[in-house]
């Protein structure tokens, strides 16, 4: 099996020029924990914003500026300032046996899937592996 067999195609993405507030609302309204970040200029994948990173950002803002300033700080902070810009990418034909080891060894929650032009094609999450495991177990 390969990445394209279990990935979520056409994942919900966000622009690098969006605000932390935009990301917060998008994650909440669409019930997602990972947002691939796309360059507004080129359309290339430039980062990943995780729910974990959003929580740490909000806690930092609360601690340093107080609850009264949280909304204002979220609206002034760009996604490109808080996203992870160093991350592993997967190809569509990457073997799952390699990917699962990467998840286990690096304790990751997601890996973006890109084509040869760095355009986002999908995302593989730890939940995708759990779903695969359930399918395999039920087929026995």
N, C-alpha and C. Protein backbone atom coordinates (compact mmCIF):
# COMPACT_ATOMS: atom_id res chain seq x y z
N UNK A 1 0.84 -1.19 0.00
CA UNK A 1 0.00 0.00 0.00
C UNK A 1 0.88 1.24 0.00
N UNK A 2 0.31 2.30 -0.53
CA UNK A 2 1.06 3.56 -0.60
C UNK A 2 0.23 4.71 -0.05
N UNK A 3 0.87 5.85 0.10
CA UNK A 3 0.27 7.04 0.69
C UNK A 3 -1.07 7.39 0.04
N UNK A 4 -1.13 7.35 -1.28
CA UNK A 4 -2.37 7.75 -1.97
C UNK A 4 -3.55 6.85 -1.62
N UNK A 5 -3.29 5.66 -1.07
CA UNK A 5 -4.37 4.74 -0.70
C UNK A 5 -5.09 5.16 0.58
N UNK A 6 -4.43 5.92 1.45
CA UNK A 6 -5.08 6.27 2.72
C UNK A 6 -5.18 7.77 3.00
N UNK A 7 -4.52 8.59 2.19
CA UNK A 7 -4.49 10.03 2.47
C UNK A 7 -5.88 10.66 2.30
N UNK A 8 -6.03 11.80 2.94
CA UNK A 8 -7.19 12.64 2.71
C UNK A 8 -6.82 13.56 1.55
N UNK A 9 -7.50 13.40 0.43
CA UNK A 9 -7.22 14.22 -0.75
C UNK A 9 -7.84 15.61 -0.56
N UNK A 10 -7.23 16.58 -1.19
CA UNK A 10 -7.72 17.96 -1.15
C UNK A 10 -8.02 18.42 0.28
N UNK A 11 -7.00 18.43 1.14
CA UNK A 11 -7.23 18.84 2.52
C UNK A 11 -7.56 20.32 2.63
N UNK A 12 -8.17 20.68 3.73
CA UNK A 12 -8.47 22.08 4.01
C UNK A 12 -7.13 22.77 4.29
N UNK A 13 -6.86 23.84 3.54
CA UNK A 13 -5.60 24.56 3.66
C UNK A 13 -5.87 26.00 4.07
N UNK A 14 -4.80 26.70 4.41
CA UNK A 14 -4.90 28.11 4.77
C UNK A 14 -3.75 28.87 4.14
N UNK A 15 -3.96 30.13 3.84
CA UNK A 15 -2.94 30.99 3.26
C UNK A 15 -1.92 31.40 4.31
N UNK A 16 -0.70 31.59 3.89
CA UNK A 16 0.33 32.07 4.81
C UNK A 16 0.06 33.51 5.25
N UNK A 17 -0.83 34.21 4.55
CA UNK A 17 -1.18 35.59 4.90
C UNK A 17 -2.43 35.69 5.78
N UNK A 18 -3.05 34.56 6.08
CA UNK A 18 -4.21 34.55 6.98
C UNK A 18 -3.73 34.82 8.40
N UNK A 19 -4.65 35.12 9.28
CA UNK A 19 -4.29 35.40 10.67
C UNK A 19 -4.48 34.16 11.55
N UNK A 20 -3.88 34.22 12.71
CA UNK A 20 -4.07 33.14 13.69
C UNK A 20 -5.55 32.99 14.02
N UNK A 21 -6.28 34.09 14.05
CA UNK A 21 -7.72 34.04 14.32
C UNK A 21 -8.42 33.28 13.20
N UNK A 22 -8.06 33.55 11.95
CA UNK A 22 -8.63 32.83 10.81
C UNK A 22 -8.38 31.32 10.95
N UNK A 23 -7.15 30.97 11.31
CA UNK A 23 -6.79 29.56 11.48
C UNK A 23 -7.57 28.93 12.62
N UNK A 24 -7.67 29.64 13.71
CA UNK A 24 -8.40 29.17 14.89
C UNK A 24 -9.86 28.87 14.51
N UNK A 25 -10.50 29.80 13.83
CA UNK A 25 -11.90 29.63 13.43
C UNK A 25 -12.06 28.52 12.39
N UNK A 26 -11.12 28.41 11.46
CA UNK A 26 -11.18 27.37 10.44
C UNK A 26 -11.03 25.98 11.06
N UNK A 27 -10.08 25.84 11.95
CA UNK A 27 -9.90 24.55 12.63
C UNK A 27 -11.16 24.17 13.42
N UNK A 28 -11.72 25.15 14.07
CA UNK A 28 -12.91 24.91 14.89
C UNK A 28 -14.13 24.57 14.03
N UNK A 29 -14.38 25.35 12.99
CA UNK A 29 -15.59 25.15 12.17
C UNK A 29 -15.51 23.90 11.31
N UNK A 30 -14.31 23.50 10.89
CA UNK A 30 -14.17 22.34 10.00
C UNK A 30 -13.70 21.09 10.74
N UNK A 31 -13.52 21.21 12.05
CA UNK A 31 -13.10 20.09 12.90
C UNK A 31 -11.83 19.41 12.38
N UNK A 32 -10.81 20.22 12.12
CA UNK A 32 -9.52 19.69 11.68
C UNK A 32 -8.45 20.10 12.67
N UNK A 33 -7.40 19.28 12.75
CA UNK A 33 -6.30 19.55 13.68
C UNK A 33 -5.01 19.93 12.97
N UNK A 34 -5.02 19.87 11.63
CA UNK A 34 -3.82 20.17 10.86
C UNK A 34 -4.20 20.98 9.63
N UNK A 35 -3.49 22.08 9.41
CA UNK A 35 -3.73 22.91 8.23
C UNK A 35 -2.45 23.07 7.42
N UNK A 36 -2.42 22.50 6.22
CA UNK A 36 -1.30 22.83 5.33
C UNK A 36 -1.37 24.33 5.01
N UNK A 37 -0.23 24.98 5.00
CA UNK A 37 -0.16 26.42 4.74
C UNK A 37 0.38 26.62 3.33
N UNK A 38 -0.38 27.38 2.55
CA UNK A 38 -0.07 27.61 1.14
C UNK A 38 0.39 29.05 0.94
N UNK A 39 1.45 29.22 0.16
CA UNK A 39 1.93 30.56 -0.18
C UNK A 39 0.87 31.29 -1.00
N UNK A 40 0.53 32.48 -0.58
CA UNK A 40 -0.44 33.28 -1.32
C UNK A 40 0.11 33.65 -2.70
N UNK A 41 1.42 33.80 -2.81
CA UNK A 41 2.04 34.19 -4.08
C UNK A 41 2.15 33.03 -5.07
N UNK A 42 2.70 31.89 -4.62
CA UNK A 42 3.01 30.81 -5.55
C UNK A 42 2.03 29.64 -5.52
N UNK A 43 1.28 29.52 -4.43
CA UNK A 43 0.40 28.36 -4.29
C UNK A 43 1.12 27.12 -3.79
N UNK A 44 2.42 27.25 -3.50
CA UNK A 44 3.22 26.13 -3.00
C UNK A 44 2.93 25.90 -1.52
N UNK A 45 3.15 24.67 -1.09
CA UNK A 45 3.08 24.34 0.32
C UNK A 45 4.31 24.93 1.00
N UNK A 46 4.09 25.77 2.03
CA UNK A 46 5.21 26.42 2.71
C UNK A 46 5.28 26.11 4.20
N UNK A 47 4.24 25.45 4.72
CA UNK A 47 4.25 25.16 6.15
C UNK A 47 3.09 24.30 6.58
N UNK A 48 3.10 23.98 7.86
CA UNK A 48 2.02 23.22 8.49
C UNK A 48 1.67 23.94 9.78
N UNK A 49 0.38 24.10 10.03
CA UNK A 49 -0.08 24.66 11.29
C UNK A 49 -0.90 23.58 11.98
N UNK A 50 -0.46 23.19 13.16
CA UNK A 50 -1.14 22.13 13.89
C UNK A 50 -1.98 22.71 15.03
N UNK A 51 -2.92 21.91 15.47
CA UNK A 51 -3.76 22.27 16.60
C UNK A 51 -2.89 22.49 17.84
N UNK A 52 -1.90 21.65 18.00
CA UNK A 52 -0.97 21.75 19.13
C UNK A 52 -0.26 23.11 19.11
N UNK A 53 0.18 23.54 17.93
CA UNK A 53 0.86 24.83 17.80
C UNK A 53 -0.11 25.98 18.08
N UNK A 54 -1.36 25.83 17.62
CA UNK A 54 -2.37 26.87 17.89
C UNK A 54 -2.62 27.00 19.39
N UNK A 55 -2.72 25.89 20.07
CA UNK A 55 -2.96 25.93 21.52
C UNK A 55 -1.79 26.61 22.22
N UNK A 56 -0.57 26.26 21.87
CA UNK A 56 0.58 26.88 22.52
C UNK A 56 0.65 28.37 22.21
N UNK A 57 0.26 28.76 20.99
CA UNK A 57 0.25 30.18 20.62
C UNK A 57 -0.77 30.94 21.44
N UNK A 58 -1.97 30.39 21.57
CA UNK A 58 -3.03 31.05 22.34
C UNK A 58 -2.65 31.14 23.82
N UNK A 59 -2.10 30.06 24.36
CA UNK A 59 -1.67 30.09 25.77
C UNK A 59 -0.59 31.14 25.97
N UNK A 60 0.36 31.22 25.04
CA UNK A 60 1.40 32.25 25.13
C UNK A 60 0.79 33.65 25.11
N UNK A 61 -0.15 33.87 24.21
CA UNK A 61 -0.80 35.18 24.12
C UNK A 61 -1.56 35.51 25.40
N UNK A 62 -2.27 34.53 25.94
CA UNK A 62 -3.01 34.73 27.20
C UNK A 62 -2.07 35.07 28.34
N UNK A 63 -0.97 34.36 28.43
CA UNK A 63 -0.01 34.55 29.50
C UNK A 63 0.65 35.93 29.43
N UNK A 64 1.01 36.32 28.21
CA UNK A 64 1.75 37.58 28.06
C UNK A 64 0.88 38.83 27.92
N UNK A 65 -0.32 38.68 27.39
CA UNK A 65 -1.13 39.87 27.10
C UNK A 65 -2.48 39.88 27.82
N UNK A 66 -2.89 38.76 28.38
CA UNK A 66 -4.17 38.69 29.09
C UNK A 66 -5.33 38.38 28.17
N UNK A 67 -6.42 37.94 28.76
CA UNK A 67 -7.58 37.52 27.97
C UNK A 67 -8.22 38.67 27.19
N UNK A 68 -8.10 39.89 27.70
CA UNK A 68 -8.68 41.04 27.01
C UNK A 68 -8.02 41.34 25.68
N UNK A 69 -6.77 40.98 25.55
CA UNK A 69 -6.02 41.27 24.33
C UNK A 69 -5.93 40.08 23.38
N UNK A 70 -6.44 38.93 23.79
CA UNK A 70 -6.28 37.72 22.99
C UNK A 70 -6.83 37.88 21.58
N UNK A 71 -8.06 38.33 21.44
CA UNK A 71 -8.67 38.47 20.12
C UNK A 71 -7.86 39.40 19.23
N UNK A 72 -7.43 40.52 19.78
CA UNK A 72 -6.65 41.50 19.02
C UNK A 72 -5.30 40.91 18.58
N UNK A 73 -4.63 40.17 19.47
CA UNK A 73 -3.35 39.56 19.13
C UNK A 73 -3.51 38.48 18.06
N UNK A 74 -4.58 37.67 18.17
CA UNK A 74 -4.83 36.63 17.17
C UNK A 74 -5.07 37.26 15.80
N UNK A 75 -5.76 38.39 15.76
CA UNK A 75 -6.06 39.05 14.49
C UNK A 75 -4.84 39.75 13.88
N UNK A 76 -3.82 40.01 14.68
CA UNK A 76 -2.62 40.68 14.18
C UNK A 76 -1.48 39.71 13.87
N UNK A 77 -1.62 38.46 14.30
CA UNK A 77 -0.56 37.48 14.10
C UNK A 77 -0.84 36.69 12.83
N UNK A 78 0.10 36.72 11.90
CA UNK A 78 -0.06 35.99 10.64
C UNK A 78 0.31 34.52 10.81
N UNK A 79 -0.35 33.67 10.06
CA UNK A 79 -0.07 32.24 10.07
C UNK A 79 1.40 31.97 9.78
N UNK A 80 1.99 32.72 8.86
CA UNK A 80 3.40 32.48 8.51
C UNK A 80 4.34 32.71 9.69
N UNK A 81 3.89 33.44 10.71
CA UNK A 81 4.70 33.70 11.90
C UNK A 81 4.68 32.52 12.87
N UNK A 82 3.66 31.69 12.82
CA UNK A 82 3.51 30.62 13.81
C UNK A 82 3.55 29.21 13.22
N UNK A 83 3.51 29.09 11.90
CA UNK A 83 3.51 27.77 11.26
C UNK A 83 4.87 27.10 11.40
N UNK A 84 4.85 25.79 11.24
CA UNK A 84 6.10 25.03 11.16
C UNK A 84 6.56 25.10 9.71
N UNK A 85 7.73 25.66 9.46
CA UNK A 85 8.21 25.79 8.09
C UNK A 85 9.20 24.68 7.72
N UNK A 86 9.65 23.92 8.70
CA UNK A 86 10.53 22.78 8.45
C UNK A 86 9.72 21.53 8.74
N UNK A 87 9.43 20.75 7.71
CA UNK A 87 8.59 19.58 7.88
C UNK A 87 8.87 18.58 6.78
N UNK A 88 8.57 17.32 7.06
CA UNK A 88 8.72 16.24 6.10
C UNK A 88 7.53 16.25 5.15
N UNK A 89 7.77 16.00 3.87
CA UNK A 89 6.70 15.88 2.87
C UNK A 89 6.71 14.48 2.31
N UNK A 90 5.56 14.04 1.85
CA UNK A 90 5.43 12.72 1.25
C UNK A 90 5.06 12.84 -0.22
N UNK A 91 5.46 11.83 -0.99
CA UNK A 91 5.02 11.71 -2.38
C UNK A 91 3.81 10.78 -2.41
N UNK A 92 3.01 10.89 -3.44
CA UNK A 92 1.81 10.06 -3.58
C UNK A 92 2.11 8.57 -3.56
N UNK A 93 3.26 8.18 -4.08
CA UNK A 93 3.59 6.76 -4.19
C UNK A 93 4.49 6.24 -3.07
N UNK A 94 4.66 7.04 -2.02
CA UNK A 94 5.49 6.64 -0.88
C UNK A 94 4.89 5.38 -0.22
N UNK A 95 5.69 4.36 0.02
CA UNK A 95 5.18 3.14 0.65
C UNK A 95 4.77 3.40 2.11
N UNK A 96 3.63 2.87 2.51
CA UNK A 96 3.14 3.08 3.88
C UNK A 96 4.07 2.48 4.93
N UNK A 97 4.77 1.42 4.59
CA UNK A 97 5.68 0.80 5.55
C UNK A 97 6.78 1.79 5.97
N UNK A 98 7.18 2.67 5.09
CA UNK A 98 8.16 3.70 5.40
C UNK A 98 7.51 4.83 6.21
N UNK A 99 6.32 5.20 5.81
CA UNK A 99 5.62 6.32 6.44
C UNK A 99 5.25 5.99 7.89
N UNK A 100 4.78 4.79 8.14
CA UNK A 100 4.37 4.44 9.50
C UNK A 100 5.57 4.51 10.45
N UNK A 101 6.73 4.09 10.00
CA UNK A 101 7.92 4.21 10.84
C UNK A 101 8.25 5.67 11.13
N UNK A 102 8.06 6.52 10.14
CA UNK A 102 8.33 7.95 10.34
C UNK A 102 7.38 8.53 11.39
N UNK A 103 6.11 8.15 11.34
CA UNK A 103 5.13 8.61 12.33
C UNK A 103 5.54 8.15 13.73
N UNK A 104 5.89 6.89 13.85
CA UNK A 104 6.24 6.32 15.16
C UNK A 104 7.51 6.95 15.71
N UNK A 105 8.53 7.03 14.90
CA UNK A 105 9.83 7.52 15.37
C UNK A 105 9.85 9.02 15.65
N UNK A 106 9.00 9.78 15.00
CA UNK A 106 9.02 11.24 15.16
C UNK A 106 7.82 11.79 15.90
N UNK A 107 6.89 10.91 16.30
CA UNK A 107 5.69 11.31 17.06
C UNK A 107 4.93 12.44 16.36
N UNK A 108 4.71 12.26 15.08
CA UNK A 108 4.00 13.26 14.28
C UNK A 108 2.51 12.97 14.24
N UNK A 109 1.74 14.01 13.99
CA UNK A 109 0.30 13.85 13.83
C UNK A 109 -0.13 13.89 12.38
N UNK A 110 0.73 14.47 11.52
CA UNK A 110 0.37 14.56 10.10
C UNK A 110 1.60 14.76 9.23
N UNK A 111 1.42 14.37 7.98
CA UNK A 111 2.44 14.63 6.96
C UNK A 111 1.72 15.04 5.68
N UNK A 112 2.12 16.16 5.09
CA UNK A 112 1.49 16.59 3.84
C UNK A 112 1.98 15.76 2.65
N UNK A 113 1.13 15.61 1.67
CA UNK A 113 1.46 14.89 0.45
C UNK A 113 1.50 15.92 -0.68
N UNK A 114 2.62 15.95 -1.39
CA UNK A 114 2.79 16.95 -2.46
C UNK A 114 3.18 16.27 -3.77
N UNK A 115 2.94 17.00 -4.86
CA UNK A 115 3.39 16.51 -6.17
C UNK A 115 4.79 17.06 -6.43
N UNK A 116 5.31 16.79 -7.62
CA UNK A 116 6.68 17.20 -7.94
C UNK A 116 6.83 18.71 -8.04
N UNK A 117 5.73 19.45 -8.07
CA UNK A 117 5.77 20.91 -8.14
C UNK A 117 5.51 21.57 -6.78
N UNK A 118 5.54 20.78 -5.71
CA UNK A 118 5.32 21.25 -4.34
C UNK A 118 3.89 21.72 -4.09
N UNK A 119 2.95 21.24 -4.88
CA UNK A 119 1.54 21.57 -4.69
C UNK A 119 0.92 20.49 -3.80
N UNK A 120 0.11 20.92 -2.87
CA UNK A 120 -0.51 19.98 -1.93
C UNK A 120 -1.53 19.10 -2.64
N UNK A 121 -1.41 17.82 -2.41
CA UNK A 121 -2.34 16.84 -3.00
C UNK A 121 -3.16 16.13 -1.93
N UNK A 122 -2.64 16.12 -0.71
CA UNK A 122 -3.35 15.44 0.36
C UNK A 122 -2.61 15.57 1.66
N UNK A 123 -3.13 14.87 2.66
CA UNK A 123 -2.50 14.85 3.97
C UNK A 123 -2.73 13.47 4.56
N UNK A 124 -1.73 12.97 5.23
CA UNK A 124 -1.85 11.70 5.94
C UNK A 124 -1.74 12.03 7.43
N UNK A 125 -2.70 11.56 8.20
CA UNK A 125 -2.70 11.81 9.64
C UNK A 125 -2.61 10.49 10.39
N UNK A 126 -2.33 10.60 11.66
CA UNK A 126 -2.31 9.39 12.50
C UNK A 126 -3.68 8.73 12.49
N UNK A 127 -4.74 9.52 12.35
CA UNK A 127 -6.10 8.97 12.27
C UNK A 127 -6.28 8.11 11.03
N UNK A 128 -5.62 8.47 9.94
CA UNK A 128 -5.70 7.65 8.73
C UNK A 128 -5.12 6.26 8.98
N UNK A 129 -4.07 6.19 9.77
CA UNK A 129 -3.49 4.89 10.10
C UNK A 129 -4.40 4.08 11.02
N UNK A 130 -5.06 4.77 11.94
CA UNK A 130 -6.00 4.07 12.82
C UNK A 130 -7.16 3.51 11.99
N UNK A 131 -7.66 4.29 11.05
CA UNK A 131 -8.74 3.81 10.17
C UNK A 131 -8.28 2.61 9.34
N UNK A 132 -7.05 2.67 8.83
CA UNK A 132 -6.50 1.55 8.08
C UNK A 132 -6.41 0.31 8.97
N UNK A 133 -5.95 0.50 10.17
CA UNK A 133 -5.84 -0.61 11.12
C UNK A 133 -7.22 -1.23 11.38
N UNK A 134 -8.22 -0.39 11.58
CA UNK A 134 -9.59 -0.89 11.82
C UNK A 134 -10.08 -1.70 10.62
N UNK A 135 -9.84 -1.20 9.42
CA UNK A 135 -10.25 -1.90 8.21
C UNK A 135 -9.57 -3.26 8.11
N UNK A 136 -8.28 -3.29 8.36
CA UNK A 136 -7.54 -4.55 8.29
C UNK A 136 -7.99 -5.54 9.35
N UNK A 137 -8.24 -5.06 10.54
CA UNK A 137 -8.69 -5.94 11.62
C UNK A 137 -10.08 -6.52 11.34
N UNK A 138 -10.95 -5.70 10.78
CA UNK A 138 -12.31 -6.15 10.49
C UNK A 138 -12.36 -7.12 9.30
N UNK A 139 -11.36 -7.08 8.46
CA UNK A 139 -11.35 -7.95 7.29
C UNK A 139 -10.80 -9.34 7.59
N UNK A 140 -10.33 -9.56 8.80
CA UNK A 140 -9.75 -10.87 9.17
C UNK A 140 -10.83 -11.90 9.41
